[in-house]
Every structure is written in C-alpha cells, then in structure tokens.
Amino acid sequence: MNPYHKIKSEADFHAARKKGVGASDIPTLAGLNKRCGQTPLTLWREKMGLAEGFEGNDRTDWGKRLEVLVLQKWVEGRYGEDAAKDFLSGAIREKSSGPFKVKTEAIHTDRPYCMSHADLLVDWGHELEALPVEASPYPVLVEAKTSGLYSAKRREGQVFEGYDPDDRSQFGIPDKVFMQVQWQLYTYGVTEAWVVVLIDTADYREYGPIIYDPRHVEQSLALAEKFWNLVTTGTEPTPTTWGDVVSLYPEIEDLTAMVSGEAETSARAMIAEGRELKERVKVLEDKLDDIKMGLGILAGDVKEVVEDKDGVKTTVIKKTMNRVLNDSEGKTLAKFRDQTKDSLSLSEPLALIEQKKKSRASLEKKMAAGKAVDPADLAAVAETDEDRRVMALDAELRALGAYKTSKPYRVVDY
C-alpha cells in the first residue's frame, strides 16, 4: 500500500485538489461530466487558479453528513455494532478510529500529480490482534454516495449512469463512479473497494467488491498525464463543448474569419457532416410524426351515451381526442396537450430554463422534506450566466412587442 496522510481541514482539501489530478477529476477528463458543465477546460481553469471550483454548499454539506451514516452502516455490517459506534463517534469529529481512517490523502509515489481522498480507508496496520476472525486483514477502500431517486435510476447508453437495482457487483455502479474508485485504488495502492449508496434516504445498497484493474487505470493515467502537462505548461485544453467555445470567445465581432488549407478542408468536412446529420434528423422527425399520428388516432373518437326525451339511449361517437391514453390496467401510456410557440428562437432556450426551474424546485422540495439530493443533480439545474442573459433578452423583446405567438398546436408526451 502507498503512503497516505491525514487532511487537517476542508481548506487543505480544496488547496490540495489544485496540486494534482484527483479521483473526481478523472470522469471529467473522460467527458462524463459534460451534463454538469464540467469539461477539461473548466477543470484546467480551476487548477490554474483562473476560476473558482465548486467548494460545496448547504446541500453538499448535508450530503456529507449523510455519507458518514452510510459508512457507519457498512462498518456495522462487516465489524459489528460496537465498531460502528466507535467509527461514527470519530467520523463526526473528522477523526479516525482504530483501523477506520477518514480524511486521508494518498499521493502516488511514482507520479506525484496523481492523488485521491478516500471516504473511508480500512487499514488494520499493526492492529491485527483486534481483527475479527471473519474479516480480511488486507486494506480496503469504501466510497459513500447519496443520491436522489431520479439521478440514481439506471440508464444505459454509451456509458452507464445510475445504480443497477439488481446487479450489486462492480458492474452495477455508474461508469464515472467506477473510474473514480479505480483511481483511488491506484493512488492508495489498494486492490479492493466498495461503493455504498443511500438512494432517496431509504434505499441502502452496497456494490462490490470493486477490484483494481490496471488496464483501466492505464487509460485514466493517459488522460491525467496529458491534462497535467497542459497545467504545468499553462496550455489551454482544446474545447470539448459549445459552452467551452462560447467561454473562449464571449463576444462576436462584426468581422469575417478566413480559413484555408487544412483548416478549410476541416471546415468543409464538418459542414458536410452537419448537413448529413440534419437530413437524418429530418427523417427521424418524420417517423416521429407518424408515431404521434398513430397515438392520436388511438386516443380519438370519444364514445358518449345520450338519452332523448323518450328515454331512448344511443351511443354517439364524437370526433374529439381524449387527453390521456391508458392501457388495459389503467397505466398512462401517453398524454396530449395544446401548446403555442413564439416566432422567435428564444422559445427553446427559455423552455430549457423553465424545465431547470421546475427540476430545481422539485429538488429543493425534497431537501426541505429532509431527503438527500445528489449535488450533481443540483449543479445540472443551477441557473447560469447564459440563462440570465437569455431571460434579460426575453424581457427586452417582450417590452418592444417583438414576439408573435403561433396558433395552438397539438403535442404528445409519452
């Protein structure tokens, strides 16, 4: 196992993060945190002291408080109630208790820019006489997480997000958590770890064992070495998102940029690919319209029983559309509604901002009820400078009377 030492304060922790590549930085370098607005460029600016990194708030503070209880649950399951009580007594004071080490930092001996801070390191060291018979004498890392119900939901695509409710092995955790833990194993020189997560304040899960994979770590090392070279040379990383580009060039000048040679060839290739993708999007939109049409027909033709003055009942079919389409068990399949759209293109970013507001209000409601919320979810719906610029422009355009609202049109949600 590699040497490790205690981090004395939260300020020391944030200061240390600027001196190397930490476990939470690896998913960002791999492009897995774009949804939260974190890219290699934003991370580079933090390391260079050009931008303030996220140092926590009341929500993350409560997340950390809950994580201590999550770790206590893991200790109790492995070493019993007495050990768990001793651990909790020390952890709430940010003190280690026997083999249960908290607030530690490991820096790899061969690569001093590679560091991490494990939530819990179980290191028996010279205390093997206290080791329970059934417990392993080898060191183990434990990473604690708290998550909301939505963010914890398993989603599969190019990467795994969320936590698998059935697979409790190392394959059941999100890819970015797996990368984070592998980096911790590398820097601490430990071969086994566990991830414990509390979902929606009541669903406790353990995932593991997570075994050190040198082949996976080699890929992370390549990302870290390339990034840290950019930090040490003061070289900005290449932008990876449109937000990066806008942050590099915040103002538009009334001038014309010229490209030639390889740059021109690259521009033409990108434009050609963009046009091809637009055509593919059009084909998909046409298919989507067919699906909407089919669902609309299934939801239409409302049957109504009418009774005349002589008491004769007749079934009449009305050409109208039900607002909800249910299956045979009463479960909602689709909903139909009317919507209007402003003629200006601001309607789309405004809709996204409104959705973020609703999501933010929902998360704040959960927190007010004492439920745990993932800080990543809060960061994803936080109001940005770009949001404020859009809303200010919207207010200005409305004051000028520049908007023209379209007639209502029918949309379907499913």
Protein backbone atom coordinates (compact mmCIF):
# COMPACT_ATOMS: atom_id res chain seq x y z
CA MET A 1 0.00 0.00 0.00
CA ASN A 2 1.18 3.53 -0.77
CA PRO A 3 1.79 6.09 2.00
CA TYR A 4 -1.13 8.30 3.00
CA HIS A 5 -1.60 11.16 5.44
CA LYS A 6 -4.43 12.99 7.15
CA ILE A 7 -6.07 16.09 5.69
CA LYS A 8 -6.48 18.53 8.58
CA SER A 9 -9.20 20.84 7.24
CA GLU A 10 -11.61 21.42 4.38
CA ALA A 11 -9.44 24.32 3.22
CA ASP A 12 -6.45 21.98 3.00
CA PHE A 13 -8.55 19.55 0.98
CA HIS A 14 -9.53 22.18 -1.63
CA ALA A 15 -5.97 23.51 -1.76
CA ALA A 16 -4.61 20.00 -2.32
CA ARG A 17 -7.02 19.37 -5.21
CA LYS A 18 -5.34 22.16 -7.20
CA LYS A 19 -1.96 20.44 -6.93
CA GLY A 20 -2.84 17.32 -8.88
CA VAL A 21 -5.40 15.14 -10.57
CA GLY A 22 -7.89 13.73 -8.08
CA ALA A 23 -10.34 10.86 -8.36
CA SER A 24 -13.30 13.16 -9.07
CA ASP A 25 -11.32 14.79 -11.90
CA ILE A 26 -10.95 11.57 -13.93
CA PRO A 27 -14.62 11.34 -15.07
CA THR A 28 -14.38 14.98 -16.17
CA LEU A 29 -11.26 14.25 -18.25
CA ALA A 30 -13.12 11.28 -19.77
CA GLY A 31 -16.01 13.54 -20.80
CA LEU A 32 -18.56 12.02 -18.42
CA ASN A 33 -19.45 15.25 -16.59
CA LYS A 34 -20.46 17.41 -19.55
CA ARG A 35 -24.07 17.36 -18.36
CA CYS A 36 -22.90 19.22 -15.25
CA GLY A 37 -20.92 21.74 -17.31
CA GLN A 38 -17.58 20.24 -16.27
CA THR A 39 -15.00 19.79 -19.04
CA PRO A 40 -11.20 19.54 -19.22
CA LEU A 41 -11.15 23.27 -19.99
CA THR A 42 -13.19 24.26 -16.92
CA LEU A 43 -11.07 21.90 -14.80
CA TRP A 44 -7.85 23.40 -16.21
CA ARG A 45 -9.01 26.88 -15.26
CA GLU A 46 -9.65 25.71 -11.70
CA LYS A 47 -6.20 24.15 -11.41
CA MET A 48 -4.60 27.29 -12.82
CA GLY A 49 -6.47 29.50 -10.35
CA LEU A 50 -8.35 31.26 -13.15
CA ALA A 51 -11.76 30.10 -11.94
CA GLU A 52 -13.22 29.09 -8.62
CA GLY A 53 -14.04 25.42 -8.28
CA PHE A 54 -17.20 24.19 -6.58
CA GLU A 55 -16.40 24.16 -2.86
CA GLY A 56 -19.77 22.98 -1.62
CA ASN A 57 -22.94 24.47 -0.17
CA ASP A 58 -25.61 23.56 2.37
CA ARG A 59 -26.86 20.73 0.18
CA THR A 60 -23.46 19.11 -0.27
CA ASP A 61 -22.81 19.65 3.43
CA TRP A 62 -25.88 17.58 4.27
CA GLY A 63 -24.82 15.01 1.71
CA LYS A 64 -21.51 14.62 3.54
CA ARG A 65 -23.30 14.32 6.86
CA LEU A 66 -25.46 11.53 5.47
CA GLU A 67 -22.46 9.81 3.91
CA VAL A 68 -20.98 9.33 7.39
CA LEU A 69 -24.12 7.40 8.37
CA VAL A 70 -23.91 5.38 5.16
CA LEU A 71 -20.33 4.42 6.01
CA GLN A 72 -21.39 3.54 9.56
CA LYS A 73 -23.94 1.11 8.11
CA TRP A 74 -21.21 -0.57 6.06
CA VAL A 75 -18.88 -0.84 9.08
CA GLU A 76 -21.69 -2.29 11.18
CA GLY A 77 -22.39 -4.97 8.59
CA ARG A 78 -18.72 -6.01 8.49
CA TYR A 79 -17.44 -5.49 12.02
CA GLY A 80 -20.46 -5.22 14.30
CA GLU A 81 -22.33 -2.54 16.25
CA ASP A 82 -19.52 -1.67 18.66
CA ALA A 83 -17.05 -0.98 15.84
CA ALA A 84 -19.69 1.04 14.02
CA LYS A 85 -20.35 3.18 17.09
CA ASP A 86 -16.63 3.82 17.56
CA PHE A 87 -16.31 4.73 13.87
CA LEU A 88 -19.25 7.14 13.97
CA SER A 89 -18.03 8.79 17.16
CA GLY A 90 -14.73 9.57 15.50
CA ALA A 91 -16.03 10.33 11.99
CA ILE A 92 -18.43 13.08 13.08
CA ARG A 93 -15.38 14.80 14.62
CA GLU A 94 -13.36 14.02 11.47
CA LYS A 95 -11.18 11.66 13.49
CA SER A 96 -10.04 8.15 12.61
CA SER A 97 -10.98 5.28 14.88
CA GLY A 98 -8.66 2.30 15.01
CA PRO A 99 -8.41 0.81 11.52
CA PHE A 100 -11.12 3.12 10.14
CA LYS A 101 -9.25 6.04 8.59
CA VAL A 102 -11.13 9.15 7.44
CA LYS A 103 -10.00 12.48 5.92
CA THR A 104 -6.93 10.94 4.30
CA GLU A 105 -4.97 11.81 1.18
CA ALA A 106 -2.81 9.48 -0.90
CA ILE A 107 -0.27 10.73 -3.46
CA HIS A 108 1.24 8.14 -5.77
CA THR A 109 4.97 7.77 -5.20
CA ASP A 110 5.84 7.46 -8.92
CA ARG A 111 3.51 10.21 -10.17
CA PRO A 112 3.14 12.97 -7.55
CA TYR A 113 0.35 14.67 -9.52
CA CYS A 114 -1.86 11.57 -9.03
CA MET A 115 -3.82 11.91 -5.78
CA SER A 116 -7.12 10.96 -4.19
CA HIS A 117 -9.08 11.29 -0.98
CA ALA A 118 -10.99 8.17 0.05
CA ASP A 119 -14.16 8.50 2.11
CA LEU A 120 -13.02 5.56 4.24
CA LEU A 121 -9.84 3.51 4.32
CA VAL A 122 -9.87 0.36 6.42
CA ASP A 123 -6.23 -0.24 7.30
CA TRP A 124 -5.51 -2.63 10.16
CA GLY A 125 -1.77 -1.92 10.03
CA HIS A 126 -0.29 -3.16 13.31
CA GLU A 127 -3.69 -3.66 14.94
CA LEU A 128 -4.15 -7.18 13.61
CA GLU A 129 -4.74 -8.50 17.12
CA ALA A 130 -8.09 -6.64 17.05
CA LEU A 131 -9.04 -8.06 13.66
CA PRO A 132 -12.29 -10.06 13.76
CA VAL A 133 -11.78 -13.69 12.78
CA GLU A 134 -14.05 -13.48 9.74
CA ALA A 135 -12.58 -10.16 8.48
CA SER A 136 -9.85 -9.74 5.88
CA PRO A 137 -6.52 -8.27 7.05
CA TYR A 138 -5.99 -6.55 3.72
CA PRO A 139 -6.75 -2.83 3.34
CA VAL A 140 -9.98 -1.83 1.61
CA LEU A 141 -11.44 1.49 0.40
CA VAL A 142 -15.08 2.49 0.77
CA GLU A 143 -16.72 5.24 -1.29
CA ALA A 144 -20.03 6.60 0.06
CA LYS A 145 -22.69 8.23 -2.08
CA THR A 146 -26.13 9.74 -1.52
CA SER A 147 -28.49 10.15 -4.42
CA GLY A 148 -31.98 11.22 -5.34
CA LEU A 149 -34.36 8.70 -6.87
CA TYR A 150 -34.14 10.08 -10.41
CA SER A 151 -30.37 10.51 -10.58
CA ALA A 152 -29.88 7.00 -9.16
CA LYS A 153 -32.07 5.41 -11.82
CA ARG A 154 -30.12 3.05 -14.07
CA ARG A 155 -29.71 4.37 -17.63
CA GLU A 156 -27.74 2.61 -20.31
CA GLY A 157 -26.18 4.15 -23.38
CA GLN A 158 -22.61 4.69 -24.42
CA VAL A 159 -21.91 4.85 -20.69
CA PHE A 160 -23.73 3.50 -17.66
CA GLU A 161 -25.44 6.03 -15.42
CA GLY A 162 -27.26 5.37 -12.18
CA TYR A 163 -27.16 2.31 -9.95
CA ASP A 164 -28.42 -1.10 -11.06
CA PRO A 165 -31.09 -2.31 -8.60
CA ASP A 166 -30.28 -5.97 -9.29
CA ASP A 167 -26.58 -6.19 -10.11
CA ARG A 168 -24.73 -5.39 -6.87
CA SER A 169 -21.30 -6.20 -8.33
CA GLN A 170 -18.78 -3.63 -9.57
CA PHE A 171 -20.72 -3.56 -12.84
CA GLY A 172 -23.81 -2.12 -11.16
CA ILE A 173 -22.37 1.33 -10.43
CA PRO A 174 -22.20 4.34 -12.78
CA ASP A 175 -19.18 4.43 -15.07
CA LYS A 176 -17.93 7.69 -13.58
CA VAL A 177 -18.05 6.24 -10.06
CA PHE A 178 -16.18 3.15 -11.29
CA MET A 179 -13.47 5.38 -12.78
CA GLN A 180 -13.27 7.40 -9.57
CA VAL A 181 -12.85 4.29 -7.40
CA GLN A 182 -10.25 2.75 -9.73
CA TRP A 183 -8.19 5.94 -9.42
CA GLN A 184 -8.44 5.73 -5.64
CA LEU A 185 -7.26 2.12 -5.69
CA TYR A 186 -4.29 3.16 -7.83
CA THR A 187 -3.19 6.09 -5.71
CA TYR A 188 -3.65 4.28 -2.39
CA GLY A 189 -2.08 1.08 -3.70
CA VAL A 190 -5.09 -0.99 -2.59
CA THR A 191 -6.71 -3.81 -4.57
CA GLU A 192 -10.30 -3.84 -3.27
CA ALA A 193 -13.03 -1.24 -2.74
CA TRP A 194 -16.76 -0.99 -2.09
CA VAL A 195 -19.33 1.61 -3.07
CA VAL A 196 -22.19 2.19 -0.65
CA VAL A 197 -25.09 4.40 -1.67
CA LEU A 198 -28.20 5.72 0.04
CA ILE A 199 -30.93 6.43 -2.51
CA ASP A 200 -33.85 8.70 -1.68
CA THR A 201 -32.97 8.49 2.06
CA ALA A 202 -34.32 4.94 2.46
CA ASP A 203 -32.77 2.59 -0.13
CA TYR A 204 -29.35 1.47 1.15
CA ARG A 205 -27.18 -0.55 -1.27
CA GLU A 206 -23.67 -2.00 -1.33
CA TYR A 207 -21.78 -2.59 -4.58
CA GLY A 208 -18.62 -4.64 -4.79
CA PRO A 209 -16.08 -5.86 -4.38
CA ILE A 210 -14.54 -3.49 -6.91
CA ILE A 211 -11.21 -4.98 -7.91
CA TYR A 212 -8.23 -2.94 -9.09
CA ASP A 213 -7.97 -3.11 -12.90
CA PRO A 214 -4.55 -1.94 -14.16
CA ARG A 215 -5.73 -1.91 -17.79
CA HIS A 216 -8.50 0.52 -16.96
CA VAL A 217 -6.17 2.68 -14.86
CA GLU A 218 -3.71 2.90 -17.77
CA GLN A 219 -6.38 4.72 -19.77
CA SER A 220 -7.03 7.11 -16.91
CA LEU A 221 -3.30 7.70 -16.49
CA ALA A 222 -3.02 8.66 -20.17
CA LEU A 223 -5.80 11.24 -19.69
CA ALA A 224 -4.27 12.55 -16.46
CA GLU A 225 -0.72 12.80 -17.81
CA LYS A 226 -1.85 14.70 -20.90
CA PHE A 227 -4.00 17.05 -18.81
CA TRP A 228 -1.35 17.72 -16.17
CA ASN A 229 1.17 18.53 -18.88
CA LEU A 230 -1.24 21.23 -20.06
CA VAL A 231 -1.43 22.55 -16.48
CA THR A 232 2.33 22.65 -15.98
CA THR A 233 2.92 24.34 -19.35
CA GLY A 234 -0.02 26.74 -18.99
CA THR A 235 -1.58 25.47 -22.22
CA GLU A 236 -5.37 25.64 -22.54
CA PRO A 237 -7.07 22.31 -23.37
CA THR A 238 -8.98 22.03 -26.63
CA PRO A 239 -12.67 22.94 -26.14
CA THR A 240 -14.95 19.90 -25.99
CA THR A 241 -18.39 21.54 -25.79
CA TRP A 242 -20.15 24.52 -27.34
CA GLY A 243 -20.14 26.09 -23.87
CA ASP A 244 -16.33 25.88 -23.89
CA VAL A 245 -16.20 27.67 -27.24
CA VAL A 246 -18.54 30.44 -26.07
CA SER A 247 -16.47 30.92 -22.90
CA LEU A 248 -13.30 31.27 -25.00
CA TYR A 249 -14.91 33.78 -27.37
CA PRO A 250 -17.59 35.56 -25.28
CA GLU A 251 -18.18 38.39 -27.78
CA ILE A 252 -18.92 38.37 -31.51
CA GLU A 253 -17.06 40.94 -33.59
CA ASP A 254 -18.51 42.33 -36.81
CA LEU A 255 -15.66 40.83 -38.83
CA THR A 256 -15.11 37.84 -41.10
CA ALA A 257 -12.81 34.91 -40.29
CA MET A 258 -10.90 33.33 -43.19
CA VAL A 259 -9.66 29.74 -43.35
CA SER A 260 -7.55 28.00 -45.96
CA GLY A 261 -5.55 24.83 -46.46
CA GLU A 262 -6.15 22.09 -43.90
CA ALA A 263 -8.40 24.36 -41.82
CA GLU A 264 -10.66 24.97 -44.83
CA THR A 265 -10.76 21.25 -45.60
CA SER A 266 -11.70 20.54 -41.99
CA ALA A 267 -14.42 23.19 -42.02
CA ARG A 268 -15.93 21.81 -45.23
CA ALA A 269 -15.89 18.28 -43.80
CA MET A 270 -17.65 19.40 -40.62
CA ILE A 271 -20.26 21.33 -42.59
CA ALA A 272 -20.88 18.33 -44.86
CA GLU A 273 -21.28 16.08 -41.82
CA GLY A 274 -23.57 18.62 -40.20
CA ARG A 275 -25.82 18.73 -43.28
CA GLU A 276 -25.95 14.94 -43.37
CA LEU A 277 -26.95 14.82 -39.70
CA LYS A 278 -29.66 17.43 -40.33
CA GLU A 279 -31.10 15.20 -43.07
CA ARG A 280 -31.03 12.22 -40.72
CA VAL A 281 -32.78 14.32 -38.07
CA LYS A 282 -35.46 15.20 -40.65
CA VAL A 283 -36.04 11.51 -41.40
CA LEU A 284 -36.33 10.75 -37.69
CA GLU A 285 -38.72 13.68 -37.20
CA ASP A 286 -40.92 12.32 -39.99
CA LYS A 287 -41.01 8.92 -38.27
CA LEU A 288 -41.80 10.66 -35.00
CA ASP A 289 -44.75 12.43 -36.66
CA ASP A 290 -46.05 9.03 -37.83
CA ILE A 291 -45.90 7.75 -34.25
CA LYS A 292 -47.70 10.85 -32.95
CA MET A 293 -50.38 10.41 -35.61
CA GLY A 294 -50.92 6.76 -34.67
CA LEU A 295 -51.20 7.55 -30.97
CA GLY A 296 -53.58 10.42 -31.71
CA ILE A 297 -55.91 8.13 -33.66
CA LEU A 298 -55.93 5.60 -30.80
CA ALA A 299 -56.77 8.38 -28.33
CA GLY A 300 -59.56 9.85 -30.51
CA ASP A 301 -63.22 9.00 -31.13
CA VAL A 302 -64.83 9.60 -27.74
CA LYS A 303 -67.94 7.47 -27.19
CA GLU A 304 -70.81 9.14 -25.39
CA VAL A 305 -74.22 7.73 -24.43
CA VAL A 306 -77.06 10.23 -24.95
CA GLU A 307 -80.70 9.88 -23.90
CA ASP A 308 -83.62 11.50 -25.77
CA LYS A 309 -86.85 12.78 -24.24
CA ASP A 310 -88.45 9.32 -24.51
CA GLY A 311 -85.61 7.73 -22.55
CA VAL A 312 -84.06 6.03 -25.54
CA LYS A 313 -80.28 5.71 -25.13
CA THR A 314 -77.97 5.99 -28.11
CA THR A 315 -74.19 5.72 -28.35
CA VAL A 316 -72.74 8.67 -30.23
CA ILE A 317 -69.14 8.87 -31.44
CA LYS A 318 -67.69 12.36 -31.02
CA LYS A 319 -64.65 13.38 -33.09
CA THR A 320 -62.54 14.65 -30.23
CA MET A 321 -59.34 13.50 -28.57
CA ASN A 322 -59.00 12.23 -25.02
CA ARG A 323 -56.31 13.98 -23.04
CA VAL A 324 -54.89 10.69 -21.67
CA LEU A 325 -54.27 7.30 -23.30
CA ASN A 326 -54.19 4.41 -20.81
CA ASP A 327 -53.53 0.68 -21.16
CA SER A 328 -55.90 -2.09 -20.05
CA GLU A 329 -54.58 -1.87 -16.47
CA GLY A 330 -55.09 1.88 -16.24
CA LYS A 331 -51.42 2.81 -16.62
CA THR A 332 -50.83 6.02 -18.59
CA LEU A 333 -49.20 5.45 -21.98
CA ALA A 334 -49.37 8.99 -23.40
CA LYS A 335 -50.80 12.43 -22.71
CA PHE A 336 -52.00 15.03 -25.22
CA ARG A 337 -52.00 18.81 -24.79
CA ASP A 338 -52.19 22.07 -26.73
CA GLN A 339 -49.17 24.34 -26.93
CA THR A 340 -48.21 27.64 -28.51
CA LYS A 341 -44.79 28.78 -29.66
CA ASP A 342 -43.30 32.22 -30.10
CA SER A 343 -41.96 33.07 -33.53
CA LEU A 344 -38.52 33.96 -32.16
CA SER A 345 -35.97 31.22 -31.49
CA LEU A 346 -35.66 32.17 -27.81
CA SER A 347 -38.57 29.86 -27.04
CA GLU A 348 -36.35 26.78 -26.97
CA PRO A 349 -33.69 28.06 -24.50
CA LEU A 350 -36.47 29.57 -22.40
CA ALA A 351 -38.21 26.18 -22.29
CA LEU A 352 -34.97 24.58 -21.10
CA ILE A 353 -34.57 27.26 -18.43
CA GLU A 354 -38.15 26.71 -17.28
CA GLN A 355 -37.56 22.97 -17.08
CA LYS A 356 -34.44 23.58 -14.99
CA LYS A 357 -36.50 25.82 -12.67
CA LYS A 358 -39.09 23.07 -12.21
CA SER A 359 -36.39 20.47 -11.57
CA ARG A 360 -34.64 22.80 -9.14
CA ALA A 361 -37.91 23.45 -7.28
CA SER A 362 -38.54 19.71 -7.07
CA LEU A 363 -35.08 19.07 -5.63
CA GLU A 364 -35.44 21.92 -3.13
CA LYS A 365 -38.79 20.49 -2.06
CA LYS A 366 -37.14 17.13 -1.44
CA MET A 367 -34.39 18.75 0.61
CA ALA A 368 -36.95 20.69 2.63
CA ALA A 369 -38.55 17.33 3.41
CA GLY A 370 -35.20 16.05 4.69
CA LYS A 371 -34.42 13.85 1.71
CA ALA A 372 -30.93 13.50 0.26
CA VAL A 373 -30.20 15.13 -3.08
CA ASP A 374 -27.19 14.43 -5.30
CA PRO A 375 -25.04 17.59 -5.69
CA ALA A 376 -24.55 16.68 -9.35
CA ASP A 377 -28.30 16.96 -9.90
CA LEU A 378 -28.32 20.41 -8.31
CA ALA A 379 -25.35 21.55 -10.37
CA ALA A 380 -27.08 20.36 -13.56
CA VAL A 381 -30.12 22.61 -12.92
CA ALA A 382 -28.33 25.62 -11.45
CA GLU A 383 -29.04 28.99 -13.07
CA THR A 384 -26.10 30.07 -15.24
CA ASP A 385 -24.94 33.42 -16.59
CA GLU A 386 -26.16 32.31 -20.02
CA ASP A 387 -29.62 31.62 -18.58
CA ARG A 388 -29.73 35.11 -17.09
CA ARG A 389 -28.69 36.68 -20.40
CA VAL A 390 -31.44 34.79 -22.22
CA MET A 391 -34.08 35.88 -19.70
CA ALA A 392 -32.92 39.51 -19.84
CA LEU A 393 -33.08 39.47 -23.63
CA ASP A 394 -36.52 37.87 -23.49
CA ALA A 395 -37.80 40.64 -21.20
CA GLU A 396 -36.38 43.29 -23.53
CA LEU A 397 -38.01 41.73 -26.60
CA ARG A 398 -41.37 41.48 -24.86
CA ALA A 399 -41.14 45.13 -23.85
CA LEU A 400 -40.55 46.00 -27.52
CA GLY A 401 -43.53 43.89 -28.61
CA ALA A 402 -41.29 41.81 -30.87
CA TYR A 403 -42.95 38.46 -30.17
CA LYS A 404 -45.62 36.89 -32.34
CA THR A 405 -47.33 33.85 -30.86
CA SER A 406 -48.37 30.99 -33.13
CA LYS A 407 -51.75 29.29 -33.05
CA PRO A 408 -52.05 26.39 -30.59
CA TYR A 409 -50.82 23.06 -31.90
CA ARG A 410 -51.17 19.55 -30.51
CA VAL A 411 -48.27 17.73 -28.85
CA VAL A 412 -47.98 14.31 -27.25
CA ASP A 413 -45.92 13.28 -24.21
CA TYR A 414 -45.02 9.65 -23.59
